[in-house]
Amino acid sequence: MTALELRALPARITLISHAPTLALKRASFPLDAPLPEDEIEKVATQGWTAPQAQYVCCGPEKRTQQTAEALSLEPSVAIELADVDYGTWNGKEIEDIHATDPEGLASWLTDVNAVPHGGESFAHLIIRVQRWMKDRTTAGHTMAVTHPSVVRAAILCAIQAPPESFWRIEIAPLTLTDLRFNGKQWTLRVAGCPVLLK
């Protein structure tokens, strides 16, 4: 397909949130750890068929790359789809943060500009994702395996909701969210649809 033909296609982004991690099960901030073997096997044995896409990508972390591989995808790595940098909180349980830095945790849970951990704010994440989406408006169908936080940011950008709405969106692991671009604006087609059968 030529670049001219690709630009003529309606733009579409299909976002898949990665498989469950040990950090999620422990209610802790993630490190770049591999997925549990049982989760990889669960995904790989489902025989999921991906929609055809012109561009397949994933975040740089092990959990997104392993999810993509288990879904039989061959992605390129897109640094823009990286998870939020939780700074000094990476690897720590939320319960421990609540005990040692309750004010910091409270600000992080209510203010998208807060960075009590010294990492990246959700406001910055939203800007990062918005820039990435702008680059996809003439790219045909893009399929991306990424993080729930990135999916939430993409939904906000698509529906032009205020950044403060970030906490009002829940995205579970291994769910699909579909966005369409009509030449002027993005629309949300599907959000949080389970990828695999139970």
Protein backbone atom coordinates (compact mmCIF):
# COMPACT_ATOMS: atom_id res chain seq x y z
CA MET A 1 0.00 0.00 0.00
CA THR A 2 1.39 3.38 -1.01
CA ALA A 3 1.65 6.35 1.35
CA LEU A 4 -1.05 8.12 -0.69
CA GLU A 5 -3.42 5.15 -0.38
CA LEU A 6 -2.71 4.94 3.35
CA ARG A 7 -3.57 8.60 3.89
CA ALA A 8 -6.90 8.01 2.12
CA LEU A 9 -7.95 5.40 4.70
CA PRO A 10 -10.00 6.46 7.74
CA ALA A 11 -7.68 6.51 10.74
CA ARG A 12 -8.33 3.99 13.48
CA ILE A 13 -6.50 3.14 16.70
CA THR A 14 -7.11 -0.14 18.49
CA LEU A 15 -5.59 -0.13 21.97
CA ILE A 16 -5.11 -3.33 23.96
CA SER A 17 -4.17 -3.15 27.63
CA HIS A 18 -1.52 -5.65 28.67
CA ALA A 19 -2.18 -8.89 30.57
CA PRO A 20 -2.42 -8.89 34.40
CA THR A 21 0.86 -8.46 36.29
CA LEU A 22 2.00 -9.45 39.77
CA ALA A 23 2.15 -5.75 40.64
CA LEU A 24 -1.54 -5.41 39.81
CA LYS A 25 -2.42 -8.39 41.99
CA ARG A 26 -0.34 -6.97 44.85
CA ALA A 27 -1.70 -3.42 44.46
CA SER A 28 1.79 -2.07 43.92
CA PHE A 29 3.41 0.35 41.49
CA PRO A 30 4.98 -1.63 38.64
CA LEU A 31 8.58 -2.38 37.85
CA ASP A 32 9.56 -3.52 34.37
CA ALA A 33 9.01 -7.14 35.33
CA PRO A 34 7.94 -9.98 33.02
CA LEU A 35 4.39 -11.28 33.05
CA PRO A 36 3.58 -14.37 35.14
CA GLU A 37 3.97 -17.51 33.03
CA ASP A 38 0.37 -18.58 33.64
CA GLU A 39 -0.90 -15.27 32.24
CA ILE A 40 1.23 -15.63 29.10
CA GLU A 41 -0.05 -19.18 28.60
CA LYS A 42 -3.66 -18.09 29.13
CA VAL A 43 -3.34 -15.47 26.39
CA ALA A 44 -1.38 -17.66 23.98
CA THR A 45 -3.77 -20.62 24.15
CA GLN A 46 -6.90 -18.61 23.33
CA GLY A 47 -6.09 -18.38 19.63
CA TRP A 48 -7.15 -14.74 19.39
CA THR A 49 -7.29 -13.33 15.86
CA ALA A 50 -6.22 -9.71 15.60
CA PRO A 51 -7.95 -7.29 13.24
CA GLN A 52 -5.83 -6.38 10.24
CA ALA A 53 -3.76 -3.26 10.86
CA GLN A 54 -1.22 -1.26 8.87
CA TYR A 55 0.89 -0.52 11.95
CA VAL A 56 1.33 -2.69 15.05
CA CYS A 57 3.22 -1.32 18.03
CA CYS A 58 3.58 -1.67 21.78
CA GLY A 59 5.06 0.08 24.78
CA PRO A 60 8.72 -0.59 25.60
CA GLU A 61 8.08 -2.56 28.80
CA LYS A 62 8.32 -6.35 29.05
CA ARG A 63 4.64 -6.72 29.97
CA THR A 64 3.42 -5.02 26.80
CA GLN A 65 5.87 -6.83 24.53
CA GLN A 66 5.03 -10.22 26.05
CA THR A 67 1.30 -9.57 25.73
CA ALA A 68 1.75 -8.66 22.07
CA GLU A 69 3.79 -11.79 21.42
CA ALA A 70 1.24 -13.99 23.20
CA LEU A 71 -1.44 -12.48 20.93
CA SER A 72 0.70 -13.47 17.91
CA LEU A 73 1.43 -9.85 17.04
CA GLU A 74 4.77 -8.61 15.73
CA PRO A 75 4.97 -5.06 17.05
CA SER A 76 7.51 -2.33 16.80
CA VAL A 77 8.27 -0.52 20.06
CA ALA A 78 6.76 2.94 20.48
CA ILE A 79 8.33 4.83 23.39
CA GLU A 80 5.32 7.18 23.42
CA LEU A 81 3.21 4.27 24.68
CA ALA A 82 5.30 3.73 27.81
CA ASP A 83 3.58 3.57 31.17
CA VAL A 84 3.65 6.53 33.53
CA ASP A 85 6.98 6.86 35.33
CA TYR A 86 6.11 6.45 39.01
CA GLY A 87 9.55 7.60 40.10
CA THR A 88 10.50 6.59 43.64
CA TRP A 89 7.22 4.68 44.01
CA ASN A 90 8.12 2.04 41.41
CA GLY A 91 7.96 -1.40 42.99
CA LYS A 92 6.29 -0.21 46.20
CA GLU A 93 2.86 -1.25 47.42
CA ILE A 94 0.17 1.43 47.62
CA GLU A 95 -0.41 0.47 51.25
CA ASP A 96 3.22 1.31 52.08
CA ILE A 97 3.00 4.67 50.29
CA HIS A 98 -0.16 5.43 52.25
CA ALA A 99 1.73 4.75 55.48
CA THR A 100 4.85 6.76 54.62
CA ASP A 101 3.52 9.57 52.41
CA PRO A 102 -0.25 9.92 52.87
CA GLU A 103 -0.31 13.54 51.71
CA GLY A 104 1.65 12.71 48.58
CA LEU A 105 -0.64 9.81 47.76
CA ALA A 106 -3.72 11.95 48.34
CA SER A 107 -2.43 14.65 45.99
CA TRP A 108 -1.54 12.06 43.36
CA LEU A 109 -5.07 10.63 43.53
CA THR A 110 -6.74 14.01 43.06
CA ASP A 111 -4.40 16.27 41.08
CA VAL A 112 -3.28 15.21 37.58
CA ASN A 113 -0.34 17.62 37.83
CA ALA A 114 1.00 16.13 41.06
CA VAL A 115 4.36 14.33 41.05
CA PRO A 116 5.04 13.44 44.70
CA HIS A 117 7.08 10.46 43.46
CA GLY A 118 9.33 12.66 41.33
CA GLY A 119 8.33 10.86 38.12
CA GLU A 120 5.76 11.80 35.47
CA SER A 121 2.41 13.46 36.07
CA PHE A 122 -0.79 12.22 34.50
CA ALA A 123 -1.13 15.65 32.86
CA HIS A 124 2.18 15.07 31.08
CA LEU A 125 1.08 11.55 30.10
CA ILE A 126 -2.07 12.96 28.48
CA ILE A 127 -0.02 15.46 26.45
CA ARG A 128 2.37 12.68 25.38
CA VAL A 129 -0.49 10.44 24.22
CA GLN A 130 -2.22 13.33 22.46
CA ARG A 131 0.93 14.00 20.41
CA TRP A 132 1.16 10.32 19.48
CA MET A 133 -2.51 10.25 18.41
CA LYS A 134 -1.99 13.33 16.24
CA ASP A 135 0.69 11.43 14.33
CA ARG A 136 -1.77 8.56 13.70
CA THR A 137 -4.51 10.62 12.00
CA THR A 138 -3.25 9.69 8.51
CA ALA A 139 -1.88 6.24 9.29
CA GLY A 140 -4.76 3.89 8.52
CA HIS A 141 -5.34 1.32 11.26
CA THR A 142 -2.90 1.28 14.18
CA MET A 143 -2.99 -1.53 16.74
CA ALA A 144 -1.13 -0.87 19.99
CA VAL A 145 -0.54 -2.99 23.08
CA THR A 146 0.00 -0.63 25.96
CA HIS A 147 -0.96 0.23 29.55
CA PRO A 148 -4.31 1.04 31.16
CA SER A 149 -3.01 4.53 31.99
CA VAL A 150 -2.19 5.18 28.32
CA VAL A 151 -5.60 3.89 27.22
CA ARG A 152 -7.31 6.18 29.72
CA ALA A 153 -5.31 9.13 28.42
CA ALA A 154 -6.24 8.26 24.83
CA ILE A 155 -9.94 8.14 25.71
CA LEU A 156 -9.71 11.58 27.32
CA CYS A 157 -8.02 12.96 24.20
CA ALA A 158 -10.57 11.35 21.87
CA ILE A 159 -13.63 12.75 23.64
CA GLN A 160 -11.89 16.01 24.62
CA ALA A 161 -12.65 15.48 28.29
CA PRO A 162 -10.79 17.54 30.91
CA PRO A 163 -7.64 15.96 32.36
CA GLU A 164 -9.36 15.77 35.76
CA SER A 165 -11.62 13.06 34.30
CA PHE A 166 -8.64 10.67 34.18
CA TRP A 167 -9.65 9.01 37.45
CA ARG A 168 -13.22 8.47 36.23
CA ILE A 169 -12.17 5.92 33.62
CA GLU A 170 -11.36 2.32 34.48
CA ILE A 171 -9.53 0.05 32.05
CA ALA A 172 -9.02 -3.59 32.99
CA PRO A 173 -6.13 -5.77 31.79
CA LEU A 174 -6.50 -7.46 28.41
CA THR A 175 -9.27 -5.23 27.15
CA LEU A 176 -9.70 -3.54 23.80
CA THR A 177 -10.53 0.11 23.16
CA ASP A 178 -11.24 1.35 19.64
CA LEU A 179 -10.94 4.95 18.42
CA ARG A 180 -11.86 6.32 14.97
CA PHE A 181 -10.83 9.55 13.25
CA ASN A 182 -13.21 11.07 10.69
CA GLY A 183 -10.81 13.66 9.32
CA LYS A 184 -11.73 16.27 11.92
CA GLN A 185 -12.02 14.58 15.29
CA TRP A 186 -11.63 11.31 17.13
CA THR A 187 -14.60 9.31 18.36
CA LEU A 188 -14.72 6.52 20.91
CA ARG A 189 -16.18 3.39 19.32
CA VAL A 190 -15.57 0.79 22.04
CA ALA A 191 -13.92 0.95 25.47
CA GLY A 192 -12.77 -1.81 27.79
CA CYS A 193 -14.07 -4.76 25.75
CA PRO A 194 -12.51 -8.06 26.97
CA VAL A 195 -10.06 -9.50 24.45
CA LEU A 196 -10.31 -13.11 25.62
CA LEU A 197 -13.13 -15.44 26.48
CA LYS A 198 -13.38 -16.26 30.18
